[in-house]
């Protein structure tokens, strides 16, 4: 803490009885100390004003930070609402799926009842056949009964075939329902877990932001209270300073009058000293004379009193008068006023130290947040840069057939290189990010001066790198291969196909290199002003054939 410290133990004015007149010659030193203490108080007031200005600027910075936190909190709230809407949508899908499952279950029940009825009919027919056989055995001469028996046998065969077909259909439906139900439950379970994790994460972030917002609001209110108290203290100090100004002026006048009186007294003392010296010399002579006279008186045996010099009594009377006149001019309350000023200064110093500690704590808190934000950003930036380099190298890999130089070996593999650079490492949030790309057989360049196709390749790699850090459940791409050639389209298809193990990819494309590597393809066309959709699922032979195509 800067500034001066005044201890009440240092005596500026002596209290109690008035010192002898010789000590009054040193009162100007005490008054000079009071004047210097008042000047120090003025400097302290100026420093307090500067401190209040700094605190106001810090309050503004905290308010802006709080505003940014409120924006982030609003974004998190909107994301939470979006997740809730997604959860509601999936809940509706689940309910519809359950309804479809109930319908299939009802169909299965109806088919089971039909099979039961058919089995009962079959039993009835068997009974009839047995009856007819018995009748035929008893009446073998009746040909009509034989024909009827043959027709019943044919009907039995047809019913058996129908029952077998229905049983096969039921088994197929049951297996299909079981598979769909298992897949649906698995997908819904995964999606539910993912949604619950995201909701839990967002709730934690929301609670953290809310706690930080509450802490910031409390700190802001405390700072505002401190600023208000400091403003009041500043006003009181200013008022005291204005009140002290006439006192200081009066003290200056008293000091001047004391100095003049001191000079007069010093002159008078010098004169009296010279007179005293002369008187002393004269007294010594008189003493000698008196001793001589005493000796003479002793000799004369006389008891008569000796008269002394009366000028010394007059001098003492004059000095007493001057002492009494100076005594009325001395400010006897100066000691109490000094102690009150010192206690006020000490209180302000303690309050300033407390505010300095609070400011240091707030600055450390803000620095910790900035440090965490910087570390998080740099970590994500590094991951995106590494993923971007890998994807760009995969997408731009070429064999020796694409080399334009004569001295390239036939088995040489060429691939491009790309990376991200921060424009200013010291101010990463106020600077930009530059993307550099080096395509095969070309020099490295800023992405701004690259061609349209090269920009498309770099942009796709950057988007895929960003999404690889935090994959989404599904992606929808609308003709992202429009500006790519066949080679780059084939590489892009391979990269997207490798992503399908973790996410679902829906892509709109018109190129064969993309369509030859899909799991399911939907064709949309118009016929007689009606939109029709054609679904095609490639077989294993189609996939093997597509893998065997060498795109050049």
Protein backbone atom coordinates (compact mmCIF):
# COMPACT_ATOMS: atom_id res chain seq x y z
CA UNK A 1 0.00 0.00 0.00
CA UNK A 2 1.45 3.34 -1.03
CA UNK A 3 1.14 6.57 0.97
CA UNK A 4 2.30 7.86 4.30
CA UNK A 5 1.46 6.51 7.74
CA UNK A 6 1.07 8.71 10.80
CA UNK A 7 1.21 7.07 14.20
CA UNK A 8 -0.59 8.74 17.11
CA UNK A 9 2.35 7.86 19.32
CA UNK A 10 4.46 10.59 17.69
CA UNK A 11 3.77 13.68 19.73
CA UNK A 12 2.96 16.70 17.60
CA UNK A 13 1.57 18.82 20.44
CA UNK A 14 2.15 18.32 24.10
CA UNK A 15 -0.95 18.20 26.26
CA UNK A 16 -1.23 19.13 29.88
CA UNK A 17 0.53 22.10 31.32
CA UNK A 18 2.00 24.72 29.05
CA UNK A 19 5.72 24.36 28.45
CA UNK A 20 8.00 27.12 29.44
CA UNK A 21 8.31 30.04 27.09
CA UNK A 22 11.61 28.79 25.74
CA UNK A 23 9.82 25.72 24.19
CA UNK A 24 7.44 27.90 22.15
CA UNK A 25 10.26 28.70 19.76
CA UNK A 26 9.91 25.17 18.30
CA UNK A 27 6.08 25.20 17.66
CA UNK A 28 6.64 26.04 13.98
CA UNK A 29 7.98 22.51 13.49
CA UNK A 30 4.74 21.01 14.81
CA UNK A 31 2.68 23.25 12.58
CA UNK A 32 4.84 22.23 9.61
CA UNK A 33 4.12 18.57 10.41
CA UNK A 34 0.38 19.30 10.52
CA UNK A 35 0.61 21.06 7.19
CA UNK A 36 2.51 18.12 5.65
CA UNK A 37 -0.06 15.67 7.05
CA UNK A 38 -2.86 17.72 5.47
CA UNK A 39 -0.99 17.66 2.14
CA UNK A 40 -0.60 13.90 2.48
CA UNK A 41 -4.33 13.63 3.10
CA UNK A 42 -4.96 15.60 -0.06
CA UNK A 43 -2.69 13.23 -1.99
CA UNK A 44 -4.56 10.30 -0.42
CA UNK A 45 -7.86 11.83 -1.57
CA UNK A 46 -6.47 12.11 -5.11
CA UNK A 47 -5.34 8.48 -5.00
CA UNK A 48 -8.78 7.46 -3.73
CA UNK A 49 -10.38 9.27 -6.66
CA UNK A 50 -8.08 7.37 -9.04
CA UNK A 51 -8.94 4.10 -7.27
CA UNK A 52 -12.67 4.87 -7.58
CA UNK A 53 -12.21 5.57 -11.31
CA UNK A 54 -10.41 2.23 -11.73
CA UNK A 55 -13.15 0.45 -9.80
CA UNK A 56 -15.79 2.04 -12.03
CA UNK A 57 -13.96 0.78 -15.12
CA UNK A 58 -13.72 -2.68 -13.54
CA UNK A 59 -17.45 -2.59 -12.77
CA UNK A 60 -18.13 -1.76 -16.42
CA UNK A 61 -15.92 -4.68 -17.53
CA UNK A 62 -17.72 -7.02 -15.13
CA UNK A 63 -21.08 -5.78 -16.42
CA UNK A 64 -20.00 -6.48 -20.01
CA UNK A 65 -18.75 -9.93 -18.96
CA UNK A 66 -22.06 -10.55 -17.21
CA UNK A 67 -23.90 -9.49 -20.38
CA UNK A 68 -21.87 -12.00 -22.41
CA UNK A 69 -22.59 -14.70 -19.80
CA UNK A 70 -26.29 -13.88 -20.07
CA UNK A 71 -26.07 -14.33 -23.85
CA UNK A 72 -24.36 -17.68 -23.38
CA UNK A 73 -27.01 -18.66 -20.85
CA UNK A 74 -29.73 -17.70 -23.33
CA UNK A 75 -28.07 -19.84 -26.01
CA UNK A 76 -27.85 -22.79 -23.65
CA UNK A 77 -31.53 -22.34 -22.75
CA UNK A 78 -32.49 -22.33 -26.45
CA UNK A 79 -30.38 -25.44 -27.06
CA UNK A 80 -32.09 -27.11 -24.11
CA UNK A 81 -35.48 -26.22 -25.60
CA UNK A 82 -34.38 -27.66 -28.95
CA UNK A 83 -33.30 -30.87 -27.26
CA UNK A 84 -36.62 -31.04 -25.46
CA UNK A 85 -38.43 -30.62 -28.80
CA UNK A 86 -36.24 -33.38 -30.29
CA UNK A 87 -37.07 -35.55 -27.31
CA UNK A 88 -40.78 -34.83 -27.84
CA UNK A 89 -40.46 -35.72 -31.53
CA UNK A 90 -38.74 -39.00 -30.73
CA UNK A 91 -41.42 -39.70 -28.14
CA UNK A 92 -44.05 -39.27 -30.85
CA UNK A 93 -42.07 -41.59 -33.14
CA UNK A 94 -41.94 -44.17 -30.36
CA UNK A 95 -45.68 -43.88 -29.79
CA UNK A 96 -46.35 -44.30 -33.52
CA UNK A 97 -44.04 -47.30 -33.62
CA UNK A 98 -45.84 -48.82 -30.67
CA UNK A 99 -49.16 -48.24 -32.44
CA UNK A 100 -47.77 -49.95 -35.56
CA UNK A 101 -46.54 -52.78 -33.38
CA UNK A 102 -49.99 -53.09 -31.80
CA UNK A 103 -51.56 -53.25 -35.28
CA UNK A 104 -49.12 -55.98 -36.31
CA UNK A 105 -49.85 -57.80 -33.08
CA UNK A 106 -53.57 -57.63 -33.81
CA UNK A 107 -52.94 -58.94 -37.33
CA UNK A 108 -50.87 -61.75 -35.86
CA UNK A 109 -53.69 -62.56 -33.44
CA UNK A 110 -56.23 -62.58 -36.26
CA UNK A 111 -53.97 -64.84 -38.34
CA UNK A 112 -53.57 -67.16 -35.37
CA UNK A 113 -57.35 -67.32 -34.98
CA UNK A 114 -57.67 -68.07 -38.72
CA UNK A 115 -55.11 -70.86 -38.41
CA UNK A 116 -57.01 -72.24 -35.43
CA UNK A 117 -60.23 -72.19 -37.42
CA UNK A 118 -58.50 -73.86 -40.36
CA UNK A 119 -57.07 -76.51 -38.07
CA UNK A 120 -60.54 -77.11 -36.66
CA UNK A 121 -61.87 -77.36 -40.21
CA UNK A 122 -59.08 -79.79 -41.02
CA UNK A 123 -60.01 -81.94 -38.03
CA UNK A 124 -63.64 -81.85 -39.15
CA UNK A 125 -62.62 -82.87 -42.66
CA UNK A 126 -60.50 -85.69 -41.27
CA UNK A 127 -63.49 -86.90 -39.33
CA UNK A 128 -65.61 -86.72 -42.47
CA UNK A 129 -62.97 -88.61 -44.42
CA UNK A 130 -62.83 -91.28 -41.80
CA UNK A 131 -66.59 -91.51 -41.84
CA UNK A 132 -66.58 -91.74 -45.60
CA UNK A 133 -63.89 -94.39 -45.51
CA UNK A 134 -65.96 -96.37 -43.10
CA UNK A 135 -68.92 -95.96 -45.36
CA UNK A 136 -66.82 -96.95 -48.37
CA UNK A 137 -65.58 -99.99 -46.54
CA UNK A 138 -69.13 -100.91 -45.69
CA UNK A 139 -70.54 -99.88 -49.05
CA UNK A 140 -67.73 -100.37 -51.55
CA UNK A 141 -70.20 -100.46 -54.37
CA UNK A 142 -71.03 -96.78 -54.13
CA UNK A 143 -68.84 -94.91 -56.68
CA UNK A 144 -70.26 -91.56 -55.77
CA UNK A 145 -68.86 -91.89 -52.29
CA UNK A 146 -65.41 -92.51 -53.75
CA UNK A 147 -65.60 -89.41 -55.87
CA UNK A 148 -66.71 -87.44 -52.88
CA UNK A 149 -63.84 -88.87 -50.91
CA UNK A 150 -61.38 -87.83 -53.63
CA UNK A 151 -62.76 -84.32 -53.61
CA UNK A 152 -62.39 -84.19 -49.85
CA UNK A 153 -58.79 -85.36 -50.18
CA UNK A 154 -58.10 -82.59 -52.68
CA UNK A 155 -59.71 -80.06 -50.36
CA UNK A 156 -57.59 -81.37 -47.52
CA UNK A 157 -54.44 -80.96 -49.62
CA UNK A 158 -55.40 -77.41 -50.53
CA UNK A 159 -56.13 -76.59 -46.91
CA UNK A 160 -52.79 -78.04 -45.83
CA UNK A 161 -51.00 -75.93 -48.44
CA UNK A 162 -52.89 -72.85 -47.28
CA UNK A 163 -52.08 -73.58 -43.66
CA UNK A 164 -48.38 -74.06 -44.49
CA UNK A 165 -48.32 -70.77 -46.40
CA UNK A 166 -50.06 -68.95 -43.56
CA UNK A 167 -47.66 -70.48 -41.04
CA UNK A 168 -44.68 -69.37 -43.13
CA UNK A 169 -46.17 -65.87 -43.39
CA UNK A 170 -46.71 -65.75 -39.65
CA UNK A 171 -43.14 -66.89 -38.98
CA UNK A 172 -41.79 -64.28 -41.39
CA UNK A 173 -43.95 -61.57 -39.83
CA UNK A 174 -42.89 -62.60 -36.35
CA UNK A 175 -39.21 -62.56 -37.28
CA UNK A 176 -39.62 -59.20 -39.04
CA UNK A 177 -41.50 -57.74 -36.08
CA UNK A 178 -38.90 -59.10 -33.68
CA UNK A 179 -36.02 -57.63 -35.71
CA UNK A 180 -37.74 -54.29 -36.16
CA UNK A 181 -38.67 -54.17 -32.51
CA UNK A 182 -35.10 -55.04 -31.44
CA UNK A 183 -33.61 -52.47 -33.83
CA UNK A 184 -36.13 -49.87 -32.76
CA UNK A 185 -35.56 -50.52 -29.07
CA UNK A 186 -31.79 -50.43 -29.58
CA UNK A 187 -31.92 -47.18 -31.58
CA UNK A 188 -34.38 -45.59 -29.18
CA UNK A 189 -32.29 -46.67 -26.23
CA UNK A 190 -29.13 -45.19 -27.74
CA UNK A 191 -30.91 -41.99 -28.73
CA UNK A 192 -32.51 -41.73 -25.31
CA UNK A 193 -29.14 -42.21 -23.60
CA UNK A 194 -27.54 -39.64 -25.89
CA UNK A 195 -30.36 -37.17 -25.29
CA UNK A 196 -30.21 -37.74 -21.54
CA UNK A 197 -26.43 -37.21 -21.57
CA UNK A 198 -26.78 -34.03 -23.59
CA UNK A 199 -29.59 -32.78 -21.35
CA UNK A 200 -27.52 -33.62 -18.26
CA UNK A 201 -24.49 -31.83 -19.72
CA UNK A 202 -26.58 -28.80 -20.63
CA UNK A 203 -28.16 -28.77 -17.18
CA UNK A 204 -24.73 -28.85 -15.58
CA UNK A 205 -23.56 -26.02 -17.83
CA UNK A 206 -26.75 -24.13 -17.05
CA UNK A 207 -26.23 -24.61 -13.30
CA UNK A 208 -22.59 -23.54 -13.63
CA UNK A 209 -23.54 -20.45 -15.62
CA UNK A 210 -26.33 -19.68 -13.15
CA UNK A 211 -23.97 -19.99 -10.18
CA UNK A 212 -21.41 -17.83 -11.95
CA UNK A 213 -24.12 -15.29 -12.79
CA UNK A 214 -25.29 -15.23 -9.16
CA UNK A 215 -21.72 -14.85 -7.92
CA UNK A 216 -21.07 -12.09 -10.45
CA UNK A 217 -24.27 -10.30 -9.45
CA UNK A 218 -23.33 -10.54 -5.77
CA UNK A 219 -19.81 -9.32 -6.50
CA UNK A 220 -21.21 -6.54 -8.66
CA UNK A 221 -23.63 -5.45 -5.94
CA UNK A 222 -20.79 -5.49 -3.40
CA UNK A 223 -18.61 -3.46 -5.74
CA UNK A 224 -21.42 -0.99 -6.31
CA UNK A 225 -21.89 -0.72 -2.54
CA UNK A 226 -18.14 -0.21 -2.12
CA UNK A 227 -18.12 2.41 -4.86
CA UNK A 228 -21.03 4.20 -3.22
CA UNK A 229 -19.32 4.09 0.19
CA UNK A 230 -16.07 5.32 -1.38
CA UNK A 231 -17.99 8.11 -3.09
CA UNK A 232 -19.52 9.08 0.25
CA UNK A 233 -16.08 8.90 1.87
CA UNK A 234 -14.66 11.00 -0.94
CA UNK A 235 -17.36 13.61 -0.40
CA UNK A 236 -16.74 13.58 3.35
CA UNK A 237 -12.98 13.89 2.76
CA UNK A 238 -13.62 16.74 0.34
CA UNK A 239 -15.85 18.42 2.90
CA UNK A 240 -13.24 17.89 5.60
CA UNK A 241 -10.60 19.21 3.21
CA UNK A 242 -12.69 22.30 2.58
CA UNK A 243 -13.23 22.65 6.32
CA UNK A 244 -9.52 22.21 6.95
CA UNK A 245 -8.56 24.88 4.43
CA UNK A 246 -9.53 27.88 6.62
CA UNK A 247 -7.88 26.11 9.57
CA UNK A 248 -4.71 25.68 7.52
CA UNK A 249 -4.88 29.32 6.42
CA UNK A 250 -5.35 30.36 10.05
CA UNK A 251 -2.43 28.14 11.04
CA UNK A 252 -0.32 29.73 8.28
CA UNK A 253 -1.19 33.15 9.62
CA UNK A 254 -0.41 32.02 13.16
CA UNK A 255 2.90 30.58 11.94
CA UNK A 256 3.76 33.88 10.30
CA UNK A 257 2.78 35.78 13.45
CA UNK A 258 4.74 33.26 15.54
CA UNK A 259 7.75 33.75 13.31
CA UNK A 260 7.50 37.51 13.66
CA UNK A 261 7.02 37.21 17.41
CA UNK A 262 9.91 34.75 17.52
CA UNK A 263 12.15 37.20 15.72
CA UNK A 264 11.10 39.99 18.08
CA UNK A 265 11.61 37.77 21.10
CA UNK A 266 14.97 36.60 19.77
CA UNK A 267 16.01 40.21 19.29
CA UNK A 268 14.70 41.04 22.74
CA UNK A 269 16.47 38.01 24.17
CA UNK A 270 19.69 38.99 22.45
CA UNK A 271 19.32 42.47 23.83
CA UNK A 272 18.50 41.08 27.25
CA UNK A 273 21.41 38.66 26.92
CA UNK A 274 23.76 41.48 26.17
CA UNK A 275 22.21 43.44 28.98
CA UNK A 276 22.46 40.34 31.15
CA UNK A 277 26.10 39.90 30.27
CA UNK A 278 26.79 43.50 30.99
CA UNK A 279 24.69 43.24 34.10
CA UNK A 280 26.49 40.05 35.07
CA UNK A 281 29.78 41.73 34.56
CA UNK A 282 28.48 44.65 36.48
CA UNK A 283 27.11 42.30 39.14
CA UNK A 284 30.44 40.58 39.44
CA UNK A 285 32.02 43.93 39.94
CA UNK A 286 29.25 44.80 42.34
CA UNK A 287 29.73 41.46 44.08
CA UNK A 288 33.35 42.24 44.47
CA UNK A 289 32.41 45.63 45.71
CA UNK A 290 29.74 44.15 47.96
CA UNK A 291 32.20 41.65 49.31
CA UNK A 292 34.57 44.45 49.89
CA UNK A 293 31.80 46.43 51.54
CA UNK A 294 30.79 43.37 53.55
CA UNK A 295 34.29 42.96 54.70
CA UNK A 296 34.31 46.56 55.50
CA UNK A 297 30.95 46.22 57.24
CA UNK A 298 32.21 43.25 59.14
CA UNK A 299 35.04 45.29 60.07
CA UNK A 300 32.60 48.00 61.00
CA UNK A 301 30.24 45.40 62.56
CA UNK A 302 27.16 46.74 60.78
CA UNK A 303 23.79 44.82 60.20
CA UNK A 304 22.23 47.18 57.69
CA UNK A 305 20.43 45.48 54.64
CA UNK A 306 21.93 45.83 51.20
CA UNK A 307 19.65 47.02 48.31
CA UNK A 308 19.65 44.89 45.07
CA UNK A 309 19.23 45.97 41.44
CA UNK A 310 15.45 46.36 40.59
CA UNK A 311 15.75 46.24 36.77
CA UNK A 312 15.58 42.43 36.77
CA UNK A 313 12.08 42.46 38.29
CA UNK A 314 10.80 44.75 35.56
CA UNK A 315 12.27 42.42 32.95
CA UNK A 316 10.49 39.41 34.48
CA UNK A 317 7.18 41.30 34.52
CA UNK A 318 7.56 42.12 30.82
CA UNK A 319 8.36 38.49 29.99
CA UNK A 320 5.29 37.29 31.91
CA UNK A 321 3.07 39.67 29.96
CA UNK A 322 4.52 38.47 26.67
CA UNK A 323 4.09 34.83 27.75
CA UNK A 324 0.41 35.38 28.61
CA UNK A 325 -0.23 37.11 25.27
CA UNK A 326 1.36 34.20 23.36
CA UNK A 327 -0.59 31.66 25.39
CA UNK A 328 -3.95 32.98 24.12
CA UNK A 329 -2.82 32.53 20.49
CA UNK A 330 -1.95 28.82 20.75
CA UNK A 331 -4.62 26.34 19.40
CA UNK A 332 -5.10 24.00 22.35
CA UNK A 333 -7.44 21.70 20.30
CA UNK A 334 -4.81 20.95 17.65
CA UNK A 335 -3.89 17.64 19.30
CA UNK A 336 -7.52 16.39 19.35
CA UNK A 337 -8.04 17.50 15.75
CA UNK A 338 -4.92 15.64 14.68
CA UNK A 339 -6.02 12.45 16.44
CA UNK A 340 -9.47 12.61 14.76
CA UNK A 341 -7.85 13.13 11.34
CA UNK A 342 -5.49 10.23 11.98
CA UNK A 343 -8.29 7.84 13.01
CA UNK A 344 -10.24 8.76 9.84
CA UNK A 345 -7.15 8.23 7.70
CA UNK A 346 -6.50 4.86 9.35
CA UNK A 347 -10.12 3.75 8.67
CA UNK A 348 -9.83 4.77 5.01
CA UNK A 349 -6.52 2.89 4.73
CA UNK A 350 -8.08 -0.31 6.11
CA UNK A 351 -11.05 0.04 3.76
CA UNK A 352 -8.70 0.59 0.82
CA UNK A 353 -6.76 -2.57 1.72
CA UNK A 354 -10.03 -4.54 1.85
CA UNK A 355 -11.13 -3.20 -1.53
CA UNK A 356 -7.70 -4.01 -2.95
CA UNK A 357 -8.06 -7.62 -1.75
CA UNK A 358 -11.56 -7.89 -3.26
CA UNK A 359 -10.31 -6.42 -6.53
CA UNK A 360 -7.41 -8.89 -6.57
CA UNK A 361 -9.83 -11.80 -6.00
CA UNK A 362 -12.10 -10.62 -8.84
CA UNK A 363 -9.13 -10.15 -11.19
CA UNK A 364 -7.85 -13.66 -10.34
CA UNK A 365 -11.34 -15.10 -10.97
CA UNK A 366 -11.56 -13.36 -14.36
CA UNK A 367 -8.01 -14.48 -15.23
CA UNK A 368 -8.90 -18.09 -14.37
CA UNK A 369 -11.96 -17.95 -16.63
CA UNK A 370 -9.93 -16.42 -19.47
CA UNK A 371 -7.24 -19.07 -18.99
CA UNK A 372 -9.79 -21.91 -19.08
CA UNK A 373 -11.45 -20.39 -22.13
CA UNK A 374 -8.09 -20.06 -23.89
CA UNK A 375 -7.05 -23.63 -23.02
CA UNK A 376 -10.40 -25.03 -24.23
CA UNK A 377 -10.18 -23.09 -27.48
CA UNK A 378 -6.57 -24.11 -28.17
CA UNK A 379 -7.36 -27.77 -27.37
CA UNK A 380 -10.31 -27.80 -29.79
CA UNK A 381 -8.29 -25.87 -32.39
CA UNK A 382 -5.44 -28.40 -32.19
CA UNK A 383 -7.83 -31.37 -32.56
CA UNK A 384 -9.56 -29.76 -35.55
CA UNK A 385 -6.19 -28.94 -37.15
CA UNK A 386 -4.96 -32.55 -36.80
CA UNK A 387 -8.22 -33.98 -38.16
CA UNK A 388 -8.20 -31.41 -40.98
CA UNK A 389 -4.67 -32.45 -42.02
CA UNK A 390 -5.63 -36.15 -42.08
CA UNK A 391 -8.86 -35.67 -44.06
CA UNK A 392 -7.18 -33.33 -46.55
CA UNK A 393 -4.36 -35.85 -47.08
CA UNK A 394 -6.91 -38.65 -47.67
CA UNK A 395 -8.96 -36.57 -50.09
CA UNK A 396 -5.97 -35.37 -52.16
CA UNK A 397 -3.98 -38.63 -52.34
CA UNK A 398 -2.78 -39.40 -55.89
CA UNK A 399 -0.65 -42.14 -57.43
CA UNK A 400 2.22 -41.65 -59.91
CA UNK A 401 -0.18 -41.58 -62.85
CA UNK A 402 -1.26 -38.09 -61.86
CA UNK A 403 2.28 -36.67 -61.60
CA UNK A 404 3.07 -34.08 -64.26
CA UNK A 405 6.86 -34.40 -63.89
CA UNK A 406 8.97 -36.79 -65.94
CA UNK A 407 11.29 -37.70 -63.08
CA UNK A 408 8.53 -39.03 -60.81
CA UNK A 409 8.94 -42.74 -59.95
CA UNK A 410 6.03 -44.94 -61.06
CA UNK A 411 5.23 -46.13 -57.52
CA UNK A 412 5.22 -42.67 -55.95
CA UNK A 413 2.18 -41.66 -53.88
CA UNK A 414 1.37 -37.95 -53.81
CA UNK A 415 -0.91 -36.27 -51.35
CA UNK A 416 -1.69 -32.70 -50.41
CA UNK A 417 -1.19 -30.94 -47.12
CA UNK A 418 -3.25 -28.29 -45.37
CA UNK A 419 -3.21 -26.69 -41.94
CA UNK A 420 -4.71 -23.92 -39.84
CA UNK A 421 -2.75 -21.03 -38.33
CA UNK A 422 -3.78 -18.42 -35.78
CA UNK A 423 -3.06 -14.87 -36.89
CA UNK A 424 -2.13 -13.70 -33.38
CA UNK A 425 -1.28 -16.12 -30.57
CA UNK A 426 -1.41 -13.36 -27.96
CA UNK A 427 -4.92 -12.20 -28.90
CA UNK A 428 -6.54 -15.40 -30.16
CA UNK A 429 -10.11 -14.19 -29.61
CA UNK A 430 -9.57 -10.86 -31.40
CA UNK A 431 -7.57 -12.25 -34.34
CA UNK A 432 -8.51 -14.54 -37.21
CA UNK A 433 -7.58 -17.99 -38.49
CA UNK A 434 -5.81 -18.51 -41.82
CA UNK A 435 -6.14 -21.73 -43.84
CA UNK A 436 -3.14 -22.79 -45.92
CA UNK A 437 -3.40 -25.55 -48.54
CA UNK A 438 -0.75 -27.35 -50.60
CA UNK A 439 -2.23 -29.50 -53.35
CA UNK A 440 -0.15 -32.19 -55.14
CA UNK A 441 2.47 -30.71 -57.51
CA UNK A 442 1.62 -27.18 -56.29
CA UNK A 443 3.13 -24.78 -53.80
CA UNK A 444 1.45 -23.90 -50.52
CA UNK A 445 -0.98 -21.00 -50.79
CA UNK A 446 -3.51 -19.11 -48.79
CA UNK A 447 -7.00 -20.48 -49.40
CA UNK A 448 -8.09 -17.04 -50.62
CA UNK A 449 -6.00 -17.30 -53.80
CA UNK A 450 -6.94 -20.92 -54.58
CA UNK A 451 -9.32 -21.92 -57.35
CA UNK A 452 -13.02 -22.64 -56.83
CA UNK A 453 -12.60 -26.42 -56.86
CA UNK A 454 -9.66 -26.24 -54.43
CA UNK A 455 -11.66 -24.00 -52.11
CA UNK A 456 -14.49 -26.54 -52.21
CA UNK A 457 -12.13 -29.40 -51.28
CA UNK A 458 -10.59 -27.41 -48.41
CA UNK A 459 -14.00 -26.27 -47.13
CA UNK A 460 -15.34 -29.85 -47.16
CA UNK A 461 -12.28 -31.09 -45.27
CA UNK A 462 -12.66 -28.32 -42.69
CA UNK A 463 -16.37 -29.06 -42.17
CA UNK A 464 -15.70 -32.79 -41.79
CA UNK A 465 -12.83 -32.07 -39.36
CA UNK A 466 -15.03 -29.88 -37.19
CA UNK A 467 -17.80 -32.49 -37.18
CA UNK A 468 -15.32 -35.26 -36.35
CA UNK A 469 -14.56 -33.61 -32.98
CA UNK A 470 -18.20 -33.88 -31.90
CA UNK A 471 -20.12 -36.17 -34.28
CA UNK A 472 -23.83 -35.66 -34.86
CA UNK A 473 -26.39 -38.51 -35.11
CA UNK A 474 -27.01 -37.80 -38.80
CA UNK A 475 -25.84 -35.48 -41.59
CA UNK A 476 -27.65 -34.10 -44.63
CA UNK A 477 -25.44 -32.98 -47.56
CA UNK A 478 -26.93 -31.23 -50.58
CA UNK A 479 -24.73 -31.76 -53.67
CA UNK A 480 -21.45 -31.04 -51.91
CA UNK A 481 -19.68 -32.85 -54.77
CA UNK A 482 -21.02 -30.48 -57.44
CA UNK A 483 -17.61 -28.79 -58.01
CA UNK A 484 -15.50 -31.95 -57.55
CA UNK A 485 -14.07 -34.13 -60.26
CA UNK A 486 -14.50 -37.90 -60.39
CA UNK A 487 -11.34 -38.61 -58.37
CA UNK A 488 -12.18 -36.23 -55.55
CA UNK A 489 -15.80 -37.42 -55.56
CA UNK A 490 -14.61 -41.01 -55.14
CA UNK A 491 -12.32 -40.03 -52.25
CA UNK A 492 -15.15 -38.07 -50.64
CA UNK A 493 -17.44 -41.09 -50.94
CA UNK A 494 -14.86 -43.27 -49.18
CA UNK A 495 -14.48 -40.76 -46.33
CA UNK A 496 -18.24 -40.42 -45.88
CA UNK A 497 -18.68 -44.19 -46.02
CA UNK A 498 -16.15 -44.57 -43.19
CA UNK A 499 -18.26 -42.15 -41.11
CA UNK A 500 -21.43 -44.23 -41.47
CA UNK A 501 -20.34 -46.54 -38.65
CA UNK A 502 -21.01 -43.74 -36.13
CA UNK A 503 -23.52 -41.48 -37.88
CA UNK A 504 -26.18 -41.68 -40.57
CA UNK A 505 -25.31 -39.80 -43.77
CA UNK A 506 -28.01 -38.54 -46.13
CA UNK A 507 -26.55 -37.09 -49.32
CA UNK A 508 -28.14 -35.56 -52.42
CA UNK A 509 -25.94 -36.24 -55.44
CA UNK A 510 -26.09 -36.78 -59.21
CA UNK A 511 -22.69 -38.44 -59.67
CA UNK A 512 -22.15 -42.15 -60.23
CA UNK A 513 -19.00 -42.23 -58.08
CA UNK A 514 -21.11 -41.31 -55.06
CA UNK A 515 -24.18 -43.38 -55.91
CA UNK A 516 -22.11 -46.52 -56.50
CA UNK A 517 -21.07 -46.61 -52.83
CA UNK A 518 -24.37 -46.04 -51.04
CA UNK A 519 -26.25 -48.58 -48.93
CA UNK A 520 -29.68 -47.39 -50.03
CA UNK A 521 -30.53 -45.08 -52.93
CA UNK A 522 -33.79 -43.18 -53.48
CA UNK A 523 -34.65 -41.83 -56.90
CA UNK A 524 -37.17 -38.99 -57.19
CA UNK A 525 -38.84 -38.29 -60.54
CA UNK A 526 -42.03 -36.85 -62.04
CA UNK A 527 -44.57 -38.79 -63.97
CA UNK A 528 -47.77 -37.10 -65.19
CA UNK A 529 -47.27 -34.21 -62.72
CA UNK A 530 -46.90 -36.66 -59.85
CA UNK A 531 -43.74 -37.06 -57.79
CA UNK A 532 -42.70 -40.65 -57.45
CA UNK A 533 -39.96 -42.21 -55.35
CA UNK A 534 -37.97 -45.27 -56.33
CA UNK A 535 -36.00 -47.17 -53.70
CA UNK A 536 -32.96 -49.26 -54.65
CA UNK A 537 -30.81 -51.28 -52.28
CA UNK A 538 -27.60 -52.54 -53.97
CA UNK A 539 -26.81 -56.24 -53.66
CA UNK A 540 -23.44 -57.68 -52.73
CA UNK A 541 -22.63 -58.19 -56.41
CA UNK A 542 -23.36 -54.51 -57.11
CA UNK A 543 -21.16 -53.45 -54.21
CA UNK A 544 -18.29 -55.70 -55.33
CA UNK A 545 -18.66 -54.36 -58.85
CA UNK A 546 -18.58 -50.77 -57.58
CA UNK A 547 -15.48 -51.48 -55.49
CA UNK A 548 -13.76 -52.96 -58.53
CA UNK A 549 -14.16 -49.80 -60.59
CA UNK A 550 -10.90 -47.83 -60.86
CA UNK A 551 -11.74 -44.16 -61.14
CA UNK A 552 -9.15 -42.09 -63.02
